[in-house]
Amino acid sequence: MSEDSTAVKDASASTDTSSETANGGDSFNFTERYGEVLGKINSTLDQVDWSQAGRIGKVVGIFAAVIVAQILIKGILDTINLLPVVPGLLELLGVVVVGQWSWKNLTTSDKRQALITRVQTLRKEYLG
């Protein structure tokens, strides 16, 4: 019986020393692993073409400006919709403007062809 209790004490002592070694080893392994991860991050960042970052920033800025503008426009339109007569008048105004534009640009084949050439030149100018 005393041999069993000594074996249990020896086993508990060995687990205590192994846990101390493991804790010390974990901190060493952590710093080693941390250094490896930072090295990989640095090598990845060295491979990035930072000249493109300005373009990405401009695109993100444009998207942010468009989102803010859409939120503001929605707020204005919601406020206008609260007025009883204004939404109907704006719809009528839109129909009148589209009708005038169509009459000016789409009534004859010459006007349609001129419109097509204008659209193609604008497309070439902006899209290349």
C-alpha atoms as a PDB file:
ATOM      1  CA  MET A   1       0.000   0.000   0.000  1.00  0.00           C
ATOM      2  CA  SER A   2       2.821   2.384   0.773  1.00  0.00           C
ATOM      3  CA  GLU A   3       4.411   1.522  -2.543  1.00  0.00           C
ATOM      4  CA  ASP A   4       1.222   2.563  -4.343  1.00  0.00           C
ATOM      5  CA  SER A   5       1.118   5.911  -2.554  1.00  0.00           C
ATOM      6  CA  THR A   6       4.800   6.534  -3.345  1.00  0.00           C
ATOM      7  CA  ALA A   7       4.152   5.734  -6.972  1.00  0.00           C
ATOM      8  CA  VAL A   8       1.292   8.184  -7.000  1.00  0.00           C
ATOM      9  CA  LYS A   9       3.474  10.857  -5.345  1.00  0.00           C
ATOM     10  CA  ASP A  10       6.248  10.226  -7.878  1.00  0.00           C
ATOM     11  CA  ALA A  11       3.783  10.486 -10.743  1.00  0.00           C
ATOM     12  CA  SER A  12       2.369  13.745  -9.418  1.00  0.00           C
ATOM     13  CA  ALA A  13       5.862  15.148  -8.948  1.00  0.00           C
ATOM     14  CA  SER A  14       6.829  14.212 -12.481  1.00  0.00           C
ATOM     15  CA  THR A  15       3.682  15.890 -13.858  1.00  0.00           C
ATOM     16  CA  ASP A  16       4.490  19.031 -11.862  1.00  0.00           C
ATOM     17  CA  THR A  17       7.969  19.272 -13.325  1.00  0.00           C
ATOM     18  CA  SER A  18       6.693  18.462 -16.802  1.00  0.00           C
ATOM     19  CA  SER A  19       4.052  21.188 -16.514  1.00  0.00           C
ATOM     20  CA  GLU A  20       6.722  23.686 -15.460  1.00  0.00           C
ATOM     21  CA  THR A  21       8.844  22.674 -18.428  1.00  0.00           C
ATOM     22  CA  ALA A  22       5.841  22.890 -20.683  1.00  0.00           C
ATOM     23  CA  ASN A  23       5.000  26.391 -19.481  1.00  0.00           C
ATOM     24  CA  GLY A  24       8.576  27.507 -19.952  1.00  0.00           C
ATOM     25  CA  GLY A  25       8.671  25.742 -23.282  1.00  0.00           C
ATOM     26  CA  ASP A  26       5.397  27.344 -24.353  1.00  0.00           C
ATOM     27  CA  SER A  27       6.765  30.832 -23.821  1.00  0.00           C
ATOM     28  CA  PHE A  28       9.866  29.936 -25.790  1.00  0.00           C
ATOM     29  CA  ASN A  29       7.781  28.317 -28.526  1.00  0.00           C
ATOM     30  CA  PHE A  30       5.475  31.324 -28.553  1.00  0.00           C
ATOM     31  CA  THR A  31       8.299  33.805 -29.109  1.00  0.00           C
ATOM     32  CA  GLU A  32       9.795  31.560 -31.749  1.00  0.00           C
ATOM     33  CA  ARG A  33       6.448  31.164 -33.478  1.00  0.00           C
ATOM     34  CA  TYR A  34       5.796  34.915 -33.168  1.00  0.00           C
ATOM     35  CA  GLY A  35       9.093  35.617 -34.895  1.00  0.00           C
ATOM     36  CA  GLU A  36       8.227  33.194 -37.706  1.00  0.00           C
ATOM     37  CA  VAL A  37       4.816  34.789 -38.232  1.00  0.00           C
ATOM     38  CA  LEU A  38       6.290  38.300 -38.308  1.00  0.00           C
ATOM     39  CA  GLY A  39       8.908  37.132 -40.794  1.00  0.00           C
ATOM     40  CA  LYS A  40       6.219  35.738 -43.078  1.00  0.00           C
ATOM     41  CA  ILE A  41       4.169  38.932 -42.791  1.00  0.00           C
ATOM     42  CA  ASN A  42       7.207  41.070 -43.611  1.00  0.00           C
ATOM     43  CA  SER A  43       8.116  38.942 -46.618  1.00  0.00           C
ATOM     44  CA  THR A  44       4.524  39.133 -47.873  1.00  0.00           C
ATOM     45  CA  LEU A  45       4.446  42.913 -47.434  1.00  0.00           C
ATOM     46  CA  ASP A  46       7.745  43.199 -49.296  1.00  0.00           C
ATOM     47  CA  GLN A  47       6.151  41.495 -52.304  1.00  0.00           C
ATOM     48  CA  VAL A  48       3.225  43.966 -52.462  1.00  0.00           C
ATOM     49  CA  ASP A  49       3.360  46.564 -55.250  1.00  0.00           C
ATOM     50  CA  TRP A  50       2.767  49.696 -53.184  1.00  0.00           C
ATOM     51  CA  SER A  51       2.487  51.908 -56.265  1.00  0.00           C
ATOM     52  CA  GLN A  52      -0.986  50.431 -56.757  1.00  0.00           C
ATOM     53  CA  ALA A  53      -2.084  51.375 -53.236  1.00  0.00           C
ATOM     54  CA  GLY A  54      -2.869  54.937 -54.324  1.00  0.00           C
ATOM     55  CA  ARG A  55      -5.250  53.686 -56.965  1.00  0.00           C
ATOM     56  CA  ILE A  56      -6.956  51.398 -54.468  1.00  0.00           C
ATOM     57  CA  GLY A  57      -7.329  54.295 -52.046  1.00  0.00           C
ATOM     58  CA  LYS A  58      -8.924  56.435 -54.739  1.00  0.00           C
ATOM     59  CA  VAL A  59     -11.386  53.677 -55.633  1.00  0.00           C
ATOM     60  CA  VAL A  60     -12.331  53.171 -51.983  1.00  0.00           C
ATOM     61  CA  GLY A  61     -12.767  56.933 -51.586  1.00  0.00           C
ATOM     62  CA  ILE A  62     -15.016  57.123 -54.630  1.00  0.00           C
ATOM     63  CA  PHE A  63     -17.130  54.242 -53.335  1.00  0.00           C
ATOM     64  CA  ALA A  64     -17.432  55.938 -49.942  1.00  0.00           C
ATOM     65  CA  ALA A  65     -18.458  59.242 -51.568  1.00  0.00           C
ATOM     66  CA  VAL A  66     -21.063  57.477 -53.715  1.00  0.00           C
ATOM     67  CA  ILE A  67     -22.517  55.707 -50.682  1.00  0.00           C
ATOM     68  CA  VAL A  68     -22.755  58.969 -48.719  1.00  0.00           C
ATOM     69  CA  ALA A  69     -24.338  60.724 -51.714  1.00  0.00           C
ATOM     70  CA  GLN A  70     -26.912  57.946 -52.081  1.00  0.00           C
ATOM     71  CA  ILE A  71     -27.814  58.178 -48.398  1.00  0.00           C
ATOM     72  CA  LEU A  72     -28.272  61.947 -48.691  1.00  0.00           C
ATOM     73  CA  ILE A  73     -30.349  61.637 -51.875  1.00  0.00           C
ATOM     74  CA  LYS A  74     -32.545  59.000 -50.260  1.00  0.00           C
ATOM     75  CA  GLY A  75     -33.142  61.288 -47.282  1.00  0.00           C
ATOM     76  CA  ILE A  76     -34.091  64.173 -49.548  1.00  0.00           C
ATOM     77  CA  LEU A  77     -36.424  62.023 -51.644  1.00  0.00           C
ATOM     78  CA  ASP A  78     -38.076  60.576 -48.545  1.00  0.00           C
ATOM     79  CA  THR A  79     -38.678  64.112 -47.290  1.00  0.00           C
ATOM     80  CA  ILE A  80     -40.155  65.148 -50.649  1.00  0.00           C
ATOM     81  CA  ASN A  81     -42.412  62.086 -50.646  1.00  0.00           C
ATOM     82  CA  LEU A  82     -43.973  63.313 -47.401  1.00  0.00           C
ATOM     83  CA  LEU A  83     -45.450  66.294 -49.246  1.00  0.00           C
ATOM     84  CA  PRO A  84     -48.804  65.324 -50.788  1.00  0.00           C
ATOM     85  CA  VAL A  85     -48.613  66.799 -54.326  1.00  0.00           C
ATOM     86  CA  VAL A  86     -44.879  66.989 -55.059  1.00  0.00           C
ATOM     87  CA  PRO A  87     -44.197  63.290 -55.907  1.00  0.00           C
ATOM     88  CA  GLY A  88     -46.888  63.261 -58.599  1.00  0.00           C
ATOM     89  CA  LEU A  89     -45.602  66.520 -60.068  1.00  0.00           C
ATOM     90  CA  LEU A  90     -42.041  65.176 -60.162  1.00  0.00           C
ATOM     91  CA  GLU A  91     -43.234  62.056 -61.991  1.00  0.00           C
ATOM     92  CA  LEU A  92     -45.061  64.227 -64.519  1.00  0.00           C
ATOM     93  CA  LEU A  93     -41.950  66.368 -64.927  1.00  0.00           C
ATOM     94  CA  GLY A  94     -39.888  63.229 -65.580  1.00  0.00           C
ATOM     95  CA  VAL A  95     -42.315  62.019 -68.255  1.00  0.00           C
ATOM     96  CA  VAL A  96     -42.269  65.451 -69.940  1.00  0.00           C
ATOM     97  CA  VAL A  97     -38.441  65.611 -69.952  1.00  0.00           C
ATOM     98  CA  VAL A  98     -38.114  62.076 -71.382  1.00  0.00           C
ATOM     99  CA  GLY A  99     -40.716  62.914 -74.035  1.00  0.00           C
ATOM    100  CA  GLN A 100     -38.895  66.092 -75.076  1.00  0.00           C
ATOM    101  CA  TRP A 101     -35.541  64.314 -75.212  1.00  0.00           C
ATOM    102  CA  SER A 102     -37.024  61.495 -77.280  1.00  0.00           C
ATOM    103  CA  TRP A 103     -38.661  63.943 -79.692  1.00  0.00           C
ATOM    104  CA  LYS A 104     -35.390  65.851 -80.070  1.00  0.00           C
ATOM    105  CA  ASN A 105     -33.120  62.803 -80.534  1.00  0.00           C
ATOM    106  CA  LEU A 106     -35.161  59.863 -81.837  1.00  0.00           C
ATOM    107  CA  THR A 107     -37.759  61.120 -84.353  1.00  0.00           C
ATOM    108  CA  THR A 108     -35.754  60.748 -87.580  1.00  0.00           C
ATOM    109  CA  SER A 109     -33.080  58.289 -88.683  1.00  0.00           C
ATOM    110  CA  ASP A 110     -30.534  61.128 -89.032  1.00  0.00           C
ATOM    111  CA  LYS A 111     -31.089  62.163 -85.403  1.00  0.00           C
ATOM    112  CA  ARG A 112     -30.847  58.549 -84.247  1.00  0.00           C
ATOM    113  CA  GLN A 113     -27.594  58.056 -86.194  1.00  0.00           C
ATOM    114  CA  ALA A 114     -26.166  61.296 -84.730  1.00  0.00           C
ATOM    115  CA  LEU A 115     -27.092  60.061 -81.245  1.00  0.00           C
ATOM    116  CA  ILE A 116     -25.375  56.723 -81.872  1.00  0.00           C
ATOM    117  CA  THR A 117     -22.185  58.458 -83.036  1.00  0.00           C
ATOM    118  CA  ARG A 118     -22.219  60.762 -79.985  1.00  0.00           C
ATOM    119  CA  VAL A 119     -22.589  57.785 -77.658  1.00  0.00           C
ATOM    120  CA  GLN A 120     -19.784  55.917 -79.426  1.00  0.00           C
ATOM    121  CA  THR A 121     -17.418  58.894 -79.227  1.00  0.00           C
ATOM    122  CA  LEU A 122     -18.172  59.342 -75.549  1.00  0.00           C
ATOM    123  CA  ARG A 123     -17.564  55.624 -74.975  1.00  0.00           C
ATOM    124  CA  LYS A 124     -14.225  55.783 -76.795  1.00  0.00           C
ATOM    125  CA  GLU A 125     -13.249  58.930 -74.911  1.00  0.00           C
ATOM    126  CA  TYR A 126     -13.979  57.521 -71.449  1.00  0.00           C
ATOM    127  CA  LEU A 127     -13.344  53.811 -71.899  1.00  0.00           C
ATOM    128  CA  GLY A 128     -10.513  54.015 -74.391  1.00  0.00           C
END
